[in-house]
Amino acid sequence: RVELAPEKAYLVGTGPDPQMAIELKSPVTGKLAIELKARPAKKAMPQFFWASPSGQFNARQQYQRSVNPADEIQSYLFPVGDHSPLQKLRFDPFTDVDEMEIQTLTIYRLAD
């Protein structure tokens, strides 16, 4: 769940596998990346999954990376997509009941 504090938003896990998903208004294609600006409370392994308009999330369409605890907001980049139409994204911030301050999540289409 998302908890708001004065001028801050936190993702707070309420179970062993917290997730947030979104479906974009229309599919996007190309070389894509997500920038996560966050302050992890503990070492974590955030993951982004993606799916086509008619597809479902699966382990082959995901990217994960390790992030360390931080005192300040840090930027983390996650390449997403496989050059086929992408319309669904899922963010798994951590794998246990925990929390992470989130400043922004931004999707970029990179030049080829």
C-alpha atoms as a PDB file:
ATOM      1  CA  ARG A   1       0.000   0.000   0.000  1.00  0.00           C
ATOM      2  CA  VAL A   2       1.032   3.627  -0.369  1.00  0.00           C
ATOM      3  CA  GLU A   3       1.332   5.726   2.790  1.00  0.00           C
ATOM      4  CA  LEU A   4       1.693   9.491   2.656  1.00  0.00           C
ATOM      5  CA  ALA A   5       3.768  11.517   5.088  1.00  0.00           C
ATOM      6  CA  PRO A   6       4.360  15.269   4.815  1.00  0.00           C
ATOM      7  CA  GLU A   7       5.862  15.693   1.321  1.00  0.00           C
ATOM      8  CA  LYS A   8       6.812  11.977   1.077  1.00  0.00           C
ATOM      9  CA  ALA A   9       5.237   8.789  -0.208  1.00  0.00           C
ATOM     10  CA  TYR A  10       6.165   5.330   1.084  1.00  0.00           C
ATOM     11  CA  LEU A  11       5.444   1.910  -0.349  1.00  0.00           C
ATOM     12  CA  VAL A  12       4.685  -0.342   2.585  1.00  0.00           C
ATOM     13  CA  GLY A  13       4.521  -4.093   2.130  1.00  0.00           C
ATOM     14  CA  THR A  14       1.514  -5.804   3.661  1.00  0.00           C
ATOM     15  CA  GLY A  15       2.486  -9.364   2.794  1.00  0.00           C
ATOM     16  CA  PRO A  16       5.349 -11.534   1.598  1.00  0.00           C
ATOM     17  CA  ASP A  17       5.156 -10.443  -2.091  1.00  0.00           C
ATOM     18  CA  PRO A  18       3.922  -6.835  -2.432  1.00  0.00           C
ATOM     19  CA  GLN A  19       3.118  -5.675  -5.971  1.00  0.00           C
ATOM     20  CA  MET A  20       1.726  -2.664  -7.815  1.00  0.00           C
ATOM     21  CA  ALA A  21       0.458  -2.935 -11.393  1.00  0.00           C
ATOM     22  CA  ILE A  22      -0.752  -0.496 -14.038  1.00  0.00           C
ATOM     23  CA  GLU A  23      -2.201  -0.784 -17.513  1.00  0.00           C
ATOM     24  CA  LEU A  24      -1.200   2.047 -19.858  1.00  0.00           C
ATOM     25  CA  LYS A  25      -3.891   3.763 -21.950  1.00  0.00           C
ATOM     26  CA  SER A  26      -2.231   2.539 -25.134  1.00  0.00           C
ATOM     27  CA  PRO A  27       0.682   0.223 -25.933  1.00  0.00           C
ATOM     28  CA  VAL A  28       4.216   1.608 -26.196  1.00  0.00           C
ATOM     29  CA  THR A  29       7.115   0.154 -28.172  1.00  0.00           C
ATOM     30  CA  GLY A  30      10.807   0.771 -28.549  1.00  0.00           C
ATOM     31  CA  LYS A  31      13.771   0.810 -26.225  1.00  0.00           C
ATOM     32  CA  LEU A  32      12.252   1.618 -22.806  1.00  0.00           C
ATOM     33  CA  ALA A  33      13.614   2.239 -19.329  1.00  0.00           C
ATOM     34  CA  ILE A  34      12.084   3.060 -15.969  1.00  0.00           C
ATOM     35  CA  GLU A  35      13.824   5.422 -13.589  1.00  0.00           C
ATOM     36  CA  LEU A  36      12.995   4.722  -9.961  1.00  0.00           C
ATOM     37  CA  LYS A  37      13.922   7.526  -7.583  1.00  0.00           C
ATOM     38  CA  ALA A  38      13.756   6.009  -4.127  1.00  0.00           C
ATOM     39  CA  ARG A  39      15.330   5.626  -0.707  1.00  0.00           C
ATOM     40  CA  PRO A  40      15.362   1.941   0.263  1.00  0.00           C
ATOM     41  CA  ALA A  41      15.110   1.296   4.000  1.00  0.00           C
ATOM     42  CA  LYS A  42      16.924  -2.043   3.630  1.00  0.00           C
ATOM     43  CA  LYS A  43      18.767  -3.942   0.915  1.00  0.00           C
ATOM     44  CA  ALA A  44      16.148  -4.963  -1.641  1.00  0.00           C
ATOM     45  CA  MET A  45      15.754  -6.569  -5.064  1.00  0.00           C
ATOM     46  CA  PRO A  46      13.075  -4.524  -6.888  1.00  0.00           C
ATOM     47  CA  GLN A  47      11.646  -5.989 -10.088  1.00  0.00           C
ATOM     48  CA  PHE A  48       9.654  -4.641 -13.008  1.00  0.00           C
ATOM     49  CA  PHE A  49       7.558  -7.025 -15.102  1.00  0.00           C
ATOM     50  CA  TRP A  50       5.900  -6.134 -18.404  1.00  0.00           C
ATOM     51  CA  ALA A  51       3.236  -7.650 -20.625  1.00  0.00           C
ATOM     52  CA  SER A  52       1.658  -7.040 -24.029  1.00  0.00           C
ATOM     53  CA  PRO A  53      -1.930  -5.757 -24.329  1.00  0.00           C
ATOM     54  CA  SER A  54      -3.296  -9.320 -24.434  1.00  0.00           C
ATOM     55  CA  GLY A  55      -0.524 -11.009 -22.423  1.00  0.00           C
ATOM     56  CA  GLN A  56       0.073 -11.788 -18.783  1.00  0.00           C
ATOM     57  CA  PHE A  57       3.113 -11.134 -16.578  1.00  0.00           C
ATOM     58  CA  ASN A  58       5.750 -13.870 -16.715  1.00  0.00           C
ATOM     59  CA  ALA A  59       9.304 -14.480 -15.511  1.00  0.00           C
ATOM     60  CA  ARG A  60      10.839 -14.039 -18.990  1.00  0.00           C
ATOM     61  CA  GLN A  61       9.592 -10.441 -19.239  1.00  0.00           C
ATOM     62  CA  GLN A  62      11.170  -8.897 -16.158  1.00  0.00           C
ATOM     63  CA  TYR A  63      14.222  -7.035 -14.942  1.00  0.00           C
ATOM     64  CA  GLN A  64      15.508  -6.887 -11.381  1.00  0.00           C
ATOM     65  CA  ARG A  65      18.470  -5.351  -9.628  1.00  0.00           C
ATOM     66  CA  SER A  66      19.864  -5.126  -6.137  1.00  0.00           C
ATOM     67  CA  VAL A  67      19.611  -1.798  -4.273  1.00  0.00           C
ATOM     68  CA  ASN A  68      21.296  -0.961  -0.987  1.00  0.00           C
ATOM     69  CA  PRO A  69      19.884   1.059   1.909  1.00  0.00           C
ATOM     70  CA  ALA A  70      20.340   4.796   1.393  1.00  0.00           C
ATOM     71  CA  ASP A  71      20.169   7.957   3.476  1.00  0.00           C
ATOM     72  CA  GLU A  72      19.187  10.066   0.434  1.00  0.00           C
ATOM     73  CA  ILE A  73      16.976   9.542  -2.611  1.00  0.00           C
ATOM     74  CA  GLN A  74      18.866   7.579  -5.296  1.00  0.00           C
ATOM     75  CA  SER A  75      18.131   7.014  -9.008  1.00  0.00           C
ATOM     76  CA  TYR A  76      17.933   3.452 -10.300  1.00  0.00           C
ATOM     77  CA  LEU A  77      17.415   2.507 -13.968  1.00  0.00           C
ATOM     78  CA  PHE A  78      15.558  -0.606 -15.118  1.00  0.00           C
ATOM     79  CA  PRO A  79      15.468  -1.543 -18.820  1.00  0.00           C
ATOM     80  CA  VAL A  80      11.986  -2.849 -19.666  1.00  0.00           C
ATOM     81  CA  GLY A  81      10.315  -4.259 -22.729  1.00  0.00           C
ATOM     82  CA  ASP A  82      11.535  -6.372 -25.606  1.00  0.00           C
ATOM     83  CA  HIS A  83      10.622  -4.127 -28.572  1.00  0.00           C
ATOM     84  CA  SER A  84       7.145  -5.689 -28.817  1.00  0.00           C
ATOM     85  CA  PRO A  85       4.089  -3.656 -27.739  1.00  0.00           C
ATOM     86  CA  LEU A  86       4.028  -3.210 -23.951  1.00  0.00           C
ATOM     87  CA  GLN A  87       0.863  -2.093 -22.142  1.00  0.00           C
ATOM     88  CA  LYS A  88       1.074  -3.571 -18.658  1.00  0.00           C
ATOM     89  CA  LEU A  89       3.713  -2.934 -15.988  1.00  0.00           C
ATOM     90  CA  ARG A  90       4.101  -4.450 -12.551  1.00  0.00           C
ATOM     91  CA  PHE A  91       6.450  -3.213  -9.835  1.00  0.00           C
ATOM     92  CA  ASP A  92       7.554  -5.591  -7.078  1.00  0.00           C
ATOM     93  CA  PRO A  93       9.526  -3.281  -4.741  1.00  0.00           C
ATOM     94  CA  PHE A  94      10.775  -5.930  -2.295  1.00  0.00           C
ATOM     95  CA  THR A  95      10.098  -9.513  -1.295  1.00  0.00           C
ATOM     96  CA  ASP A  96       9.078  -9.140   2.320  1.00  0.00           C
ATOM     97  CA  VAL A  97       7.088  -6.869   4.603  1.00  0.00           C
ATOM     98  CA  ASP A  98       9.157  -3.700   4.386  1.00  0.00           C
ATOM     99  CA  GLU A  99       8.994  -0.096   3.181  1.00  0.00           C
ATOM    100  CA  MET A 100      10.676   2.156   0.639  1.00  0.00           C
ATOM    101  CA  GLU A 101      10.359   5.910   0.177  1.00  0.00           C
ATOM    102  CA  ILE A 102       9.462   6.631  -3.455  1.00  0.00           C
ATOM    103  CA  GLN A 103       9.970  10.030  -5.041  1.00  0.00           C
ATOM    104  CA  THR A 104       9.112   9.187  -8.675  1.00  0.00           C
ATOM    105  CA  LEU A 105       8.707   6.385 -11.193  1.00  0.00           C
ATOM    106  CA  THR A 106       9.293   7.622 -14.759  1.00  0.00           C
ATOM    107  CA  ILE A 107       9.097   5.701 -18.049  1.00  0.00           C
ATOM    108  CA  TYR A 108      11.467   6.813 -20.806  1.00  0.00           C
ATOM    109  CA  ARG A 109      11.613   5.852 -24.471  1.00  0.00           C
ATOM    110  CA  LEU A 110      15.307   5.824 -25.377  1.00  0.00           C
ATOM    111  CA  ALA A 111      16.749   6.706 -28.772  1.00  0.00           C
ATOM    112  CA  ASP A 112      17.677   3.672 -30.857  1.00  0.00           C
END
